[in-house]
Structure formats: C-alpha cells, structure tokens
Amino acid sequence: MNPTRAREKISDTLAPRLSAPTVYAHVSQTQWGLGVAASVRSDRTTYVFEHAGERTFLHGTTALQEVSLPSEERQALARALLSRRTPVKKRAPTARRKQPADPSATLFERQLEIFATTFPKGFADARFVNEERSVTKRDAAIAFAREVLAKPALDEAIATGAFGDVLDRARRVVQAMHSLMLPKADQRGFERIGEVAQERFARTLRDLLHGESEYASRFDAFVGSAGSQPWTLATLFSATVHPEHHLFVKPTLNVRQASALDLHPPPLGAPTGDAYAKHLAIGNAVRSRLIDAGLAPRDLLDVYSFAWRTLTRSAQSTMP
C-alpha cells in the first residue's frame, strides 16, 4: 500500500475517536463529575475528572460507566479537562549516582503497577490467595483468633480468674500470625507481663476486642496493661479478630504509604489511641483508592499486604 494512503487510512480510523471522545462517570463517586481518558498504558488508563483531577484505573474496571452526550459537548469537555493537565517539565541532565530506591518517594500509581506485575488478577489472583491468605496462613489465623479470643471464651476465663489462660491465648494468636513477620523483639513484649499484671492484661484485651466504649480509650488501656506495647502487638489482635474494621500497623511502612498518597504522615512515636486513628485513616484511604482503581481488597489485612508487597525495598527493586 502507498505509504501516504496508509497514513490517511490510519488517520481516518482515529478521527472519530479524537473528534468524539468517550465520557465517563464513576458509579459511586458521582461528586467527581465527568471525566475523559488522558493517557493509556499497557494495563491501566489515567482519566481526568471535572472535580477530582487525575485518577488511574486498571483495564477492565467496573467502577466507570460511559455517559451519553452529544459529540460537540464531549469534544468541548475533553479539551477543557485535558488542558488542566500539568505538562511534565524536562529536567536538566545531572550526574547519575547509584542509589537504592527510596520507597517513601513511591507514588500510588507505581504501587498499582508493582502489584499488577506480581498479581495480574489483583486480590483474587491465585498467587495472592496462596501466599497472603491461604487456609494454612492468614485465614487460618483469623479463624483461630476469633475462636480463642471470642467474647464468651474471654468472659469465662476472666470470671474464673484464669488470667494466665487469656495471656496464653494471646500468645498463641501471635504465633499463628507469624505470616505478618512480627519482629522478634516485638514478640518478646509478652515476656514482660508478670503474674501480677496478667489480670489487667486479660481485662483490657477483652475490652479492646469486645468493649463498647470509645475505641481510643480502650486502645490506650490495653497498651498500658503491659507497661508499653509496640505498634505491632498493640494492633495485631483487633486487626486479626476484626480485619474489616481495624488495621495492623507497622508505623514506618504506613508513613511510606501516606507519602505515596500525598497525605500527612501518621505518628511514629509510642502507640496511642489518637495516633492509631491517624494510622487507620491511612489504611481506609488506601482501601478507597484500591476500590476506585477496580481492585477489591477483602479487608484491611489485604490493604496491609498491598503496602508490604509494593513499598518495601525488595518490592521496589523488582521494577525497572
């Protein structure tokens, strides 16, 4: 075929798409307004919305639906939205220095790319289910924790003065959740709980998991029941028994995650109820962004796994 005619044929094919771009709306985030595709990659597309700016979704997402508008309105909307995109400024060449990747500088879009490379089918990917959940790993630990730390079981042990039994139950849950890679120094925190402190530990653990007062005060009471608790042990029990509502916290990882979302970093100091609320807000923000991107985390333990699988230095090193 004549090269000139070939170019004309390609142009003819693209012309309808360019003159009448498809307009989208998010099925649940209607406050975002209308949006159009801004850039397309191999496995995801970035869209620009009227009131939400740029958002990235994996191909095949069901979170977006097409909106029917006249061709002229679609074209005008696309011009207006795409003109808002900030052009990428070229940096002057600088001497290259070999430095390890800094996970704190990672953007959420890069996290999605890393996650999709490892788990093409997202949280439903067979590899993710096998390595992160699995009936022999996290799912088994959740079922075990819900059994041994159930309210009737704890109430009975406390009523009979079997406070050491409650401590033993908690220790076995920690062992069952070894897949979270708890630092050994954190696990030894239970060794500091003497016989005198066992009653307070048992009662505050029961209230932490099944109490009805403000969670922050219950959290503070539990942390203080053993002198002090590291973030991992302070958050593990609620995150295991109630993973839909509570987050397992490794504070430095969560700070990196906040940076990736351009959010204010949560505190790195000693665990407190107020500080935990800020860490939990980061977890919920990640869950919301994952859902917007067409992924479906089952709970906040999935959200933790997403951060761990995409923000550690080893995860970053797998990507060019």
C-alpha atoms as a PDB file:
ATOM      1  CA  MET A   1       0.000   0.000   0.000  1.00  0.00           C
ATOM      2  CA  ASN A   2       1.173   3.520  -0.780  1.00  0.00           C
ATOM      3  CA  PRO A   3       2.691   4.999   2.466  1.00  0.00           C
ATOM      4  CA  THR A   4       0.726   8.209   2.047  1.00  0.00           C
ATOM      5  CA  ARG A   5      -2.505   6.280   1.611  1.00  0.00           C
ATOM      6  CA  ALA A   6      -1.638   4.138   4.657  1.00  0.00           C
ATOM      7  CA  ARG A   7      -1.252   7.238   6.820  1.00  0.00           C
ATOM      8  CA  GLU A   8      -4.549   8.572   5.531  1.00  0.00           C
ATOM      9  CA  LYS A   9      -6.234   5.273   6.373  1.00  0.00           C
ATOM     10  CA  ILE A  10      -4.902   5.334   9.933  1.00  0.00           C
ATOM     11  CA  SER A  11      -5.981   8.946  10.334  1.00  0.00           C
ATOM     12  CA  ASP A  12      -9.450   8.075   9.084  1.00  0.00           C
ATOM     13  CA  THR A  13      -9.653   5.319  11.690  1.00  0.00           C
ATOM     14  CA  LEU A  14      -8.589   7.558  14.556  1.00  0.00           C
ATOM     15  CA  ALA A  15     -10.588  10.602  13.542  1.00  0.00           C
ATOM     16  CA  PRO A  16     -13.944   9.530  15.060  1.00  0.00           C
ATOM     17  CA  ARG A  17     -12.290   8.720  18.388  1.00  0.00           C
ATOM     18  CA  LEU A  18     -10.445  12.027  18.541  1.00  0.00           C
ATOM     19  CA  SER A  19     -13.424  14.113  17.490  1.00  0.00           C
ATOM     20  CA  ALA A  20     -15.866  12.408  19.858  1.00  0.00           C
ATOM     21  CA  PRO A  21     -14.007  11.098  22.930  1.00  0.00           C
ATOM     22  CA  THR A  22     -15.858   8.833  25.325  1.00  0.00           C
ATOM     23  CA  VAL A  23     -17.029  10.492  28.545  1.00  0.00           C
ATOM     24  CA  TYR A  24     -17.133   8.579  31.828  1.00  0.00           C
ATOM     25  CA  ALA A  25     -18.573   8.891  35.312  1.00  0.00           C
ATOM     26  CA  HIS A  26     -17.620   6.933  38.425  1.00  0.00           C
ATOM     27  CA  VAL A  27     -20.521   4.722  39.507  1.00  0.00           C
ATOM     28  CA  SER A  28     -20.206   5.600  43.209  1.00  0.00           C
ATOM     29  CA  GLN A  29     -18.157   8.811  43.286  1.00  0.00           C
ATOM     30  CA  THR A  30     -20.670  10.972  41.447  1.00  0.00           C
ATOM     31  CA  GLN A  31     -19.206  14.092  43.069  1.00  0.00           C
ATOM     32  CA  TRP A  32     -16.172  13.679  40.778  1.00  0.00           C
ATOM     33  CA  GLY A  33     -18.238  14.837  37.828  1.00  0.00           C
ATOM     34  CA  LEU A  34     -17.492  13.747  34.263  1.00  0.00           C
ATOM     35  CA  GLY A  35     -14.131  12.535  33.022  1.00  0.00           C
ATOM     36  CA  VAL A  36     -12.205  11.560  29.891  1.00  0.00           C
ATOM     37  CA  ALA A  37      -9.200   9.341  29.230  1.00  0.00           C
ATOM     38  CA  ALA A  38      -5.922  11.259  29.390  1.00  0.00           C
ATOM     39  CA  SER A  39      -3.263   8.577  28.924  1.00  0.00           C
ATOM     40  CA  VAL A  40      -3.244   4.826  28.329  1.00  0.00           C
ATOM     41  CA  ARG A  41      -0.650   2.285  29.433  1.00  0.00           C
ATOM     42  CA  SER A  42      -0.452  -1.448  28.887  1.00  0.00           C
ATOM     43  CA  ASP A  43      -2.611  -2.348  31.871  1.00  0.00           C
ATOM     44  CA  ARG A  44      -4.195   0.905  33.088  1.00  0.00           C
ATOM     45  CA  THR A  45      -5.664   4.217  31.960  1.00  0.00           C
ATOM     46  CA  THR A  46      -5.474   7.625  33.622  1.00  0.00           C
ATOM     47  CA  TYR A  47      -8.600   9.778  33.443  1.00  0.00           C
ATOM     48  CA  VAL A  48      -9.178  13.469  34.220  1.00  0.00           C
ATOM     49  CA  PHE A  49     -12.393  14.326  36.079  1.00  0.00           C
ATOM     50  CA  GLU A  50     -14.076  17.678  36.476  1.00  0.00           C
ATOM     51  CA  HIS A  51     -13.868  17.795  40.275  1.00  0.00           C
ATOM     52  CA  ALA A  52     -11.366  15.061  41.189  1.00  0.00           C
ATOM     53  CA  GLY A  53      -8.428  15.646  38.874  1.00  0.00           C
ATOM     54  CA  GLU A  54      -6.468  12.648  37.593  1.00  0.00           C
ATOM     55  CA  ARG A  55      -7.383   9.101  38.655  1.00  0.00           C
ATOM     56  CA  THR A  56      -5.880   5.835  37.412  1.00  0.00           C
ATOM     57  CA  PHE A  57      -7.787   2.577  36.878  1.00  0.00           C
ATOM     58  CA  LEU A  58      -6.752  -0.884  35.749  1.00  0.00           C
ATOM     59  CA  HIS A  59      -8.198  -2.030  32.442  1.00  0.00           C
ATOM     60  CA  GLY A  60     -11.462  -3.903  32.862  1.00  0.00           C
ATOM     61  CA  THR A  61     -12.616  -1.897  35.882  1.00  0.00           C
ATOM     62  CA  THR A  62     -16.337  -1.810  36.508  1.00  0.00           C
ATOM     63  CA  ALA A  63     -16.072   1.410  38.516  1.00  0.00           C
ATOM     64  CA  LEU A  64     -16.595   3.599  35.440  1.00  0.00           C
ATOM     65  CA  GLN A  65     -19.566   3.860  33.122  1.00  0.00           C
ATOM     66  CA  GLU A  66     -19.939   5.687  29.822  1.00  0.00           C
ATOM     67  CA  VAL A  67     -22.072   8.822  29.740  1.00  0.00           C
ATOM     68  CA  SER A  68     -24.045   9.650  26.620  1.00  0.00           C
ATOM     69  CA  LEU A  69     -23.520  13.223  25.420  1.00  0.00           C
ATOM     70  CA  PRO A  70     -23.701  14.912  22.016  1.00  0.00           C
ATOM     71  CA  SER A  71     -20.437  14.798  20.078  1.00  0.00           C
ATOM     72  CA  GLU A  72     -19.808  18.543  20.351  1.00  0.00           C
ATOM     73  CA  GLU A  73     -20.247  18.515  24.141  1.00  0.00           C
ATOM     74  CA  ARG A  74     -17.875  15.557  24.509  1.00  0.00           C
ATOM     75  CA  GLN A  75     -15.242  17.280  22.419  1.00  0.00           C
ATOM     76  CA  ALA A  76     -15.542  20.535  24.365  1.00  0.00           C
ATOM     77  CA  LEU A  77     -15.361  18.692  27.697  1.00  0.00           C
ATOM     78  CA  ALA A  78     -12.275  16.772  26.612  1.00  0.00           C
ATOM     79  CA  ARG A  79     -10.482  19.962  25.538  1.00  0.00           C
ATOM     80  CA  ALA A  80     -11.299  21.651  28.842  1.00  0.00           C
ATOM     81  CA  LEU A  81     -10.252  18.722  31.034  1.00  0.00           C
ATOM     82  CA  LEU A  82      -7.091  17.796  29.153  1.00  0.00           C
ATOM     83  CA  SER A  83      -5.923  21.406  29.205  1.00  0.00           C
ATOM     84  CA  ARG A  84      -5.737  21.167  33.005  1.00  0.00           C
ATOM     85  CA  ARG A  85      -3.028  18.514  32.932  1.00  0.00           C
ATOM     86  CA  THR A  86       0.272  19.851  34.172  1.00  0.00           C
ATOM     87  CA  PRO A  87       2.920  19.423  31.467  1.00  0.00           C
ATOM     88  CA  VAL A  88       5.919  17.360  32.515  1.00  0.00           C
ATOM     89  CA  LYS A  89       8.977  19.568  32.793  1.00  0.00           C
ATOM     90  CA  LYS A  90      12.216  18.204  31.428  1.00  0.00           C
ATOM     91  CA  ARG A  91      14.993  18.262  33.965  1.00  0.00           C
ATOM     92  CA  ALA A  92      18.457  19.371  33.084  1.00  0.00           C
ATOM     93  CA  PRO A  93      20.849  16.426  32.831  1.00  0.00           C
ATOM     94  CA  THR A  94      22.662  15.725  36.067  1.00  0.00           C
ATOM     95  CA  ALA A  95      25.394  13.329  37.022  1.00  0.00           C
ATOM     96  CA  ARG A  96      23.887   9.931  37.714  1.00  0.00           C
ATOM     97  CA  ARG A  97      24.585   8.383  41.079  1.00  0.00           C
ATOM     98  CA  LYS A  98      23.681   4.870  42.056  1.00  0.00           C
ATOM     99  CA  GLN A  99      21.311   4.994  44.989  1.00  0.00           C
ATOM    100  CA  PRO A 100      18.866   2.466  46.350  1.00  0.00           C
ATOM    101  CA  ALA A 101      15.233   3.131  45.568  1.00  0.00           C
ATOM    102  CA  ASP A 102      13.500   5.179  48.223  1.00  0.00           C
ATOM    103  CA  PRO A 103      10.101   3.589  48.930  1.00  0.00           C
ATOM    104  CA  SER A 104       8.870   6.747  50.632  1.00  0.00           C
ATOM    105  CA  ALA A 105       9.004   8.518  47.270  1.00  0.00           C
ATOM    106  CA  THR A 106       6.812   5.916  45.594  1.00  0.00           C
ATOM    107  CA  LEU A 107       3.575   7.105  44.034  1.00  0.00           C
ATOM    108  CA  PHE A 108       0.370   5.131  44.393  1.00  0.00           C
ATOM    109  CA  GLU A 109       0.301   4.514  40.629  1.00  0.00           C
ATOM    110  CA  ARG A 110       3.673   2.786  40.871  1.00  0.00           C
ATOM    111  CA  GLN A 111       2.319   0.630  43.686  1.00  0.00           C
ATOM    112  CA  LEU A 112      -0.522  -0.445  41.413  1.00  0.00           C
ATOM    113  CA  GLU A 113       1.986  -1.297  38.691  1.00  0.00           C
ATOM    114  CA  ILE A 114       4.118  -3.401  41.035  1.00  0.00           C
ATOM    115  CA  PHE A 115       1.067  -5.166  42.436  1.00  0.00           C
ATOM    116  CA  ALA A 116      -0.330  -5.916  38.951  1.00  0.00           C
ATOM    117  CA  THR A 117       3.018  -7.328  37.847  1.00  0.00           C
ATOM    118  CA  THR A 118       3.067  -9.767  40.752  1.00  0.00           C
ATOM    119  CA  PHE A 119      -0.676 -10.442  40.930  1.00  0.00           C
ATOM    120  CA  PRO A 120      -2.273  -9.874  37.499  1.00  0.00           C
ATOM    121  CA  LYS A 121      -5.750 -10.702  38.830  1.00  0.00           C
ATOM    122  CA  GLY A 122      -5.397  -8.476  41.868  1.00  0.00           C
ATOM    123  CA  PHE A 123      -6.553  -9.729  45.245  1.00  0.00           C
ATOM    124  CA  ALA A 124      -8.343 -12.631  43.541  1.00  0.00           C
ATOM    125  CA  ASP A 125      -5.112 -13.843  41.951  1.00  0.00           C
ATOM    126  CA  ALA A 126      -4.346 -17.441  42.911  1.00  0.00           C
ATOM    127  CA  ARG A 127      -0.805 -16.492  43.892  1.00  0.00           C
ATOM    128  CA  PHE A 128      -2.027 -13.757  46.234  1.00  0.00           C
ATOM    129  CA  VAL A 129      -4.582 -16.080  47.838  1.00  0.00           C
ATOM    130  CA  ASN A 130      -1.935 -18.771  48.293  1.00  0.00           C
ATOM    131  CA  GLU A 131       0.854 -16.549  49.574  1.00  0.00           C
ATOM    132  CA  GLU A 132      -1.082 -13.968  51.608  1.00  0.00           C
ATOM    133  CA  ARG A 133      -4.329 -15.608  52.714  1.00  0.00           C
ATOM    134  CA  SER A 134      -4.466 -19.389  52.342  1.00  0.00           C
ATOM    135  CA  VAL A 135      -6.253 -21.749  54.739  1.00  0.00           C
ATOM    136  CA  THR A 136      -2.871 -22.603  56.248  1.00  0.00           C
ATOM    137  CA  LYS A 137      -1.774 -18.999  56.760  1.00  0.00           C
ATOM    138  CA  ARG A 138      -3.678 -15.816  57.473  1.00  0.00           C
ATOM    139  CA  ASP A 139      -7.200 -17.158  57.043  1.00  0.00           C
ATOM    140  CA  ALA A 140      -6.469 -19.974  59.469  1.00  0.00           C
ATOM    141  CA  ALA A 141      -5.028 -17.491  61.956  1.00  0.00           C
ATOM    142  CA  ILE A 142      -8.114 -15.278  61.706  1.00  0.00           C
ATOM    143  CA  ALA A 143     -10.399 -18.237  62.356  1.00  0.00           C
ATOM    144  CA  PHE A 144      -8.233 -19.340  65.281  1.00  0.00           C
ATOM    145  CA  ALA A 145      -8.119 -15.846  66.827  1.00  0.00           C
ATOM    146  CA  ARG A 146     -11.879 -15.432  66.533  1.00  0.00           C
ATOM    147  CA  GLU A 147     -12.314 -18.724  68.347  1.00  0.00           C
ATOM    148  CA  VAL A 148      -9.856 -18.365  71.223  1.00  0.00           C
ATOM    149  CA  LEU A 149     -10.444 -14.621  71.719  1.00  0.00           C
ATOM    150  CA  ALA A 150     -14.227 -14.759  71.397  1.00  0.00           C
ATOM    151  CA  LYS A 151     -16.145 -12.758  73.983  1.00  0.00           C
ATOM    152  CA  PRO A 152     -17.701 -15.824  75.740  1.00  0.00           C
ATOM    153  CA  ALA A 153     -14.291 -17.515  76.000  1.00  0.00           C
ATOM    154  CA  LEU A 154     -12.621 -14.428  77.475  1.00  0.00           C
ATOM    155  CA  ASP A 155     -15.535 -13.691  79.805  1.00  0.00           C
ATOM    156  CA  GLU A 156     -15.431 -17.225  81.186  1.00  0.00           C
ATOM    157  CA  ALA A 157     -11.659 -17.147  81.734  1.00  0.00           C
ATOM    158  CA  ILE A 158     -11.860 -13.784  83.499  1.00  0.00           C
ATOM    159  CA  ALA A 159     -14.828 -14.857  85.631  1.00  0.00           C
ATOM    160  CA  THR A 160     -12.889 -17.891  86.897  1.00  0.00           C
ATOM    161  CA  GLY A 161      -9.683 -15.921  87.459  1.00  0.00           C
ATOM    162  CA  ALA A 162      -7.822 -17.760  84.666  1.00  0.00           C
ATOM    163  CA  PHE A 163      -5.922 -14.652  83.633  1.00  0.00           C
ATOM    164  CA  GLY A 164      -2.849 -16.621  82.639  1.00  0.00           C
ATOM    165  CA  ASP A 165      -5.034 -18.583  80.215  1.00  0.00           C
ATOM    166  CA  VAL A 166      -6.028 -15.348  78.466  1.00  0.00           C
ATOM    167  CA  LEU A 167      -2.361 -14.396  78.149  1.00  0.00           C
ATOM    168  CA  ASP A 168      -1.609 -17.839  76.718  1.00  0.00           C
ATOM    169  CA  ARG A 169      -4.432 -17.455  74.186  1.00  0.00           C
ATOM    170  CA  ALA A 170      -2.977 -14.124  73.098  1.00  0.00           C
ATOM    171  CA  ARG A 171       0.489 -15.659  72.735  1.00  0.00           C
ATOM    172  CA  ARG A 172      -0.884 -18.429  70.512  1.00  0.00           C
ATOM    173  CA  VAL A 173      -2.586 -15.858  68.282  1.00  0.00           C
ATOM    174  CA  VAL A 174       0.743 -14.038  67.898  1.00  0.00           C
ATOM    175  CA  GLN A 175       2.355 -17.328  66.880  1.00  0.00           C
ATOM    176  CA  ALA A 176      -0.470 -18.051  64.419  1.00  0.00           C
ATOM    177  CA  MET A 177       0.035 -14.659  62.770  1.00  0.00           C
ATOM    178  CA  HIS A 178       3.736 -15.221  62.110  1.00  0.00           C
ATOM    179  CA  SER A 179       2.990 -14.561  58.418  1.00  0.00           C
ATOM    180  CA  LEU A 180       2.931 -10.840  59.288  1.00  0.00           C
ATOM    181  CA  MET A 181       6.649 -11.135  60.039  1.00  0.00           C
ATOM    182  CA  LEU A 182       6.488  -9.766  63.546  1.00  0.00           C
ATOM    183  CA  PRO A 183       9.934  -8.682  64.746  1.00  0.00           C
ATOM    184  CA  LYS A 184      11.258 -10.991  67.460  1.00  0.00           C
ATOM    185  CA  ALA A 185      11.832  -8.005  69.713  1.00  0.00           C
ATOM    186  CA  ASP A 186       8.116  -7.198  69.478  1.00  0.00           C
ATOM    187  CA  GLN A 187       7.067 -10.782  70.223  1.00  0.00           C
ATOM    188  CA  ARG A 188       9.130 -10.730  73.404  1.00  0.00           C
ATOM    189  CA  GLY A 189       6.873  -7.970  74.709  1.00  0.00           C
ATOM    190  CA  PHE A 190       4.634 -10.586  76.302  1.00  0.00           C
ATOM    191  CA  GLU A 191       7.548 -11.931  78.301  1.00  0.00           C
ATOM    192  CA  ARG A 192       7.468  -8.767  80.413  1.00  0.00           C
ATOM    193  CA  ILE A 193       3.934  -9.450  81.613  1.00  0.00           C
ATOM    194  CA  GLY A 194       4.317 -10.880  85.109  1.00  0.00           C
ATOM    195  CA  GLU A 195       1.687 -12.695  87.129  1.00  0.00           C
ATOM    196  CA  VAL A 196       0.553  -9.521  88.870  1.00  0.00           C
ATOM    197  CA  ALA A 197      -0.152  -7.781  85.543  1.00  0.00           C
ATOM    198  CA  GLN A 198      -1.991 -10.708  83.953  1.00  0.00           C
ATOM    199  CA  GLU A 199      -5.416  -9.705  85.238  1.00  0.00           C
ATOM    200  CA  ARG A 200      -5.140  -6.187  83.860  1.00  0.00           C
ATOM    201  CA  PHE A 201      -3.916  -7.555  80.527  1.00  0.00           C
ATOM    202  CA  ALA A 202      -6.816 -10.024  80.320  1.00  0.00           C
ATOM    203  CA  ARG A 203      -9.462  -7.421  81.110  1.00  0.00           C
ATOM    204  CA  THR A 204      -8.094  -4.762  78.764  1.00  0.00           C
ATOM    205  CA  LEU A 205      -7.709  -7.272  75.933  1.00  0.00           C
ATOM    206  CA  ARG A 206     -11.313  -8.352  76.385  1.00  0.00           C
ATOM    207  CA  ASP A 207     -12.454  -4.708  76.357  1.00  0.00           C
ATOM    208  CA  LEU A 208     -10.237  -3.887  73.366  1.00  0.00           C
ATOM    209  CA  LEU A 209     -11.904  -6.577  71.269  1.00  0.00           C
ATOM    210  CA  HIS A 210     -15.449  -6.573  72.615  1.00  0.00           C
ATOM    211  CA  GLY A 211     -15.974  -3.370  74.605  1.00  0.00           C
ATOM    212  CA  GLU A 212     -18.477  -0.692  73.661  1.00  0.00           C
ATOM    213  CA  SER A 213     -16.804   2.481  74.907  1.00  0.00           C
ATOM    214  CA  GLU A 214     -14.710   4.770  72.708  1.00  0.00           C
ATOM    215  CA  TYR A 215     -12.061   2.686  70.940  1.00  0.00           C
ATOM    216  CA  ALA A 216      -9.224   5.142  71.587  1.00  0.00           C
ATOM    217  CA  SER A 217      -9.602   4.809  75.366  1.00  0.00           C
ATOM    218  CA  ARG A 218      -9.800   1.014  75.132  1.00  0.00           C
ATOM    219  CA  PHE A 219      -6.674   1.044  72.966  1.00  0.00           C
ATOM    220  CA  ASP A 220      -4.768   3.176  75.474  1.00  0.00           C
ATOM    221  CA  ALA A 221      -5.794   0.912  78.365  1.00  0.00           C
ATOM    222  CA  PHE A 222      -4.613  -2.182  76.520  1.00  0.00           C
ATOM    223  CA  VAL A 223      -1.275  -0.650  75.530  1.00  0.00           C
ATOM    224  CA  GLY A 224      -0.674   0.339  79.152  1.00  0.00           C
ATOM    225  CA  SER A 225      -1.587  -3.081  80.517  1.00  0.00           C
ATOM    226  CA  ALA A 226       1.930  -4.401  79.963  1.00  0.00           C
ATOM    227  CA  GLY A 227       3.909  -1.261  80.630  1.00  0.00           C
ATOM    228  CA  SER A 228       4.102  -0.484  76.915  1.00  0.00           C
ATOM    229  CA  GLN A 229       3.403  -2.349  73.709  1.00  0.00           C
ATOM    230  CA  PRO A 230       4.986  -1.951  70.266  1.00  0.00           C
ATOM    231  CA  TRP A 231       2.683  -0.939  67.430  1.00  0.00           C
ATOM    232  CA  THR A 232       2.563  -4.465  66.038  1.00  0.00           C
ATOM    233  CA  LEU A 233       1.248  -6.096  69.229  1.00  0.00           C
ATOM    234  CA  ALA A 234      -0.956  -3.115  70.039  1.00  0.00           C
ATOM    235  CA  THR A 235      -2.820  -3.520  66.745  1.00  0.00           C
ATOM    236  CA  LEU A 236      -2.499  -7.231  65.917  1.00  0.00           C
ATOM    237  CA  PHE A 237      -5.442  -8.545  67.962  1.00  0.00           C
ATOM    238  CA  SER A 238      -8.077  -6.123  66.677  1.00  0.00           C
ATOM    239  CA  ALA A 239      -6.729  -6.473  63.129  1.00  0.00           C
ATOM    240  CA  THR A 240      -6.968 -10.271  63.367  1.00  0.00           C
ATOM    241  CA  VAL A 241     -10.359 -10.587  65.073  1.00  0.00           C
ATOM    242  CA  HIS A 242     -11.923  -7.605  63.233  1.00  0.00           C
ATOM    243  CA  PRO A 243      -9.893  -7.233  59.994  1.00  0.00           C
ATOM    244  CA  GLU A 244     -12.739  -5.465  58.187  1.00  0.00           C
ATOM    245  CA  HIS A 245     -12.519  -2.542  60.625  1.00  0.00           C
ATOM    246  CA  HIS A 246      -9.001  -2.460  62.084  1.00  0.00           C
ATOM    247  CA  LEU A 247      -5.503  -2.103  60.655  1.00  0.00           C
ATOM    248  CA  PHE A 248      -2.318  -3.971  61.546  1.00  0.00           C
ATOM    249  CA  VAL A 249       0.278  -1.221  61.906  1.00  0.00           C
ATOM    250  CA  LYS A 250       3.951  -1.224  61.107  1.00  0.00           C
ATOM    251  CA  PRO A 251       4.443   2.520  61.557  1.00  0.00           C
ATOM    252  CA  THR A 252       7.345   3.168  59.169  1.00  0.00           C
ATOM    253  CA  LEU A 253       5.559   1.254  56.394  1.00  0.00           C
ATOM    254  CA  ASN A 254       2.418   3.282  56.999  1.00  0.00           C
ATOM    255  CA  VAL A 255       4.401   6.519  56.813  1.00  0.00           C
ATOM    256  CA  ARG A 256       5.682   5.450  53.381  1.00  0.00           C
ATOM    257  CA  GLN A 257       2.116   4.675  52.357  1.00  0.00           C
ATOM    258  CA  ALA A 258       0.933   8.097  53.454  1.00  0.00           C
ATOM    259  CA  SER A 259       3.702   9.672  51.392  1.00  0.00           C
ATOM    260  CA  ALA A 260       2.644   7.645  48.331  1.00  0.00           C
ATOM    261  CA  LEU A 261      -0.861   9.082  48.695  1.00  0.00           C
ATOM    262  CA  ASP A 262       0.463  12.588  49.399  1.00  0.00           C
ATOM    263  CA  LEU A 263      -1.200  12.521  52.835  1.00  0.00           C
ATOM    264  CA  HIS A 264       0.092  13.835  56.147  1.00  0.00           C
ATOM    265  CA  PRO A 265       2.225  11.095  57.744  1.00  0.00           C
ATOM    266  CA  PRO A 266       0.842   9.372  60.851  1.00  0.00           C
ATOM    267  CA  PRO A 267       2.860   9.481  64.108  1.00  0.00           C
ATOM    268  CA  LEU A 268       5.900   7.263  64.588  1.00  0.00           C
ATOM    269  CA  GLY A 269       6.061   7.508  68.379  1.00  0.00           C
ATOM    270  CA  ALA A 270       4.585   5.235  71.021  1.00  0.00           C
ATOM    271  CA  PRO A 271       1.149   3.800  70.153  1.00  0.00           C
ATOM    272  CA  THR A 272      -1.831   5.746  71.456  1.00  0.00           C
ATOM    273  CA  GLY A 273      -5.499   5.705  70.591  1.00  0.00           C
ATOM    274  CA  ASP A 274      -5.340   9.097  68.913  1.00  0.00           C
ATOM    275  CA  ALA A 275      -2.272   8.101  66.880  1.00  0.00           C
ATOM    276  CA  TYR A 276      -3.900   4.823  65.872  1.00  0.00           C
ATOM    277  CA  ALA A 277      -6.895   6.709  64.465  1.00  0.00           C
ATOM    278  CA  LYS A 278      -4.497   8.511  62.100  1.00  0.00           C
ATOM    279  CA  HIS A 279      -2.887   5.232  61.003  1.00  0.00           C
ATOM    280  CA  LEU A 280      -6.330   3.716  60.469  1.00  0.00           C
ATOM    281  CA  ALA A 281      -7.304   6.697  58.311  1.00  0.00           C
ATOM    282  CA  ILE A 282      -4.344   5.933  56.025  1.00  0.00           C
ATOM    283  CA  GLY A 283      -5.464   2.304  55.729  1.00  0.00           C
ATOM    284  CA  ASN A 284      -9.003   3.341  54.861  1.00  0.00           C
ATOM    285  CA  ALA A 285      -7.706   5.842  52.293  1.00  0.00           C
ATOM    286  CA  VAL A 286      -5.702   3.087  50.600  1.00  0.00           C
ATOM    287  CA  ARG A 287      -8.726   0.791  50.587  1.00  0.00           C
ATOM    288  CA  SER A 288     -10.810   3.509  48.959  1.00  0.00           C
ATOM    289  CA  ARG A 289      -8.166   4.184  46.289  1.00  0.00           C
ATOM    290  CA  LEU A 290      -7.847   0.462  45.555  1.00  0.00           C
ATOM    291  CA  ILE A 291     -11.596   0.173  45.068  1.00  0.00           C
ATOM    292  CA  ASP A 292     -11.548   3.228  42.807  1.00  0.00           C
ATOM    293  CA  ALA A 293      -8.815   1.523  40.746  1.00  0.00           C
ATOM    294  CA  GLY A 294     -11.019  -1.519  40.197  1.00  0.00           C
ATOM    295  CA  LEU A 295      -9.419  -3.722  42.843  1.00  0.00           C
ATOM    296  CA  ALA A 296     -11.330  -5.315  45.705  1.00  0.00           C
ATOM    297  CA  PRO A 297      -9.423  -5.822  48.962  1.00  0.00           C
ATOM    298  CA  ARG A 298     -11.367  -8.142  51.231  1.00  0.00           C
ATOM    299  CA  ASP A 299     -10.315  -6.373  54.411  1.00  0.00           C
ATOM    300  CA  LEU A 300      -7.633  -4.178  55.940  1.00  0.00           C
ATOM    301  CA  LEU A 301      -5.240  -7.118  56.164  1.00  0.00           C
ATOM    302  CA  ASP A 302      -5.356  -7.187  52.363  1.00  0.00           C
ATOM    303  CA  VAL A 303      -4.587  -3.464  52.456  1.00  0.00           C
ATOM    304  CA  TYR A 304      -1.590  -4.155  54.704  1.00  0.00           C
ATOM    305  CA  SER A 305      -0.420  -6.871  52.294  1.00  0.00           C
ATOM    306  CA  PHE A 306      -0.745  -4.444  49.378  1.00  0.00           C
ATOM    307  CA  ALA A 307       1.509  -1.932  51.143  1.00  0.00           C
ATOM    308  CA  TRP A 308       4.013  -4.601  52.169  1.00  0.00           C
ATOM    309  CA  ARG A 309       4.145  -6.064  48.665  1.00  0.00           C
ATOM    310  CA  THR A 310       4.668  -2.712  46.957  1.00  0.00           C
ATOM    311  CA  LEU A 311       6.556  -0.401  49.326  1.00  0.00           C
ATOM    312  CA  THR A 312       9.424  -2.458  50.725  1.00  0.00           C
ATOM    313  CA  ARG A 313      12.835  -2.066  49.133  1.00  0.00           C
ATOM    314  CA  SER A 314      12.737  -5.628  47.815  1.00  0.00           C
ATOM    315  CA  ALA A 315       9.418  -4.916  46.088  1.00  0.00           C
ATOM    316  CA  GLN A 316      10.758  -1.719  44.566  1.00  0.00           C
ATOM    317  CA  SER A 317      13.857  -3.479  43.273  1.00  0.00           C
ATOM    318  CA  THR A 318      11.740  -5.799  41.111  1.00  0.00           C
ATOM    319  CA  MET A 319      10.655  -2.878  38.909  1.00  0.00           C
ATOM    320  CA  PRO A 320      12.915  -1.028  36.449  1.00  0.00           C
END
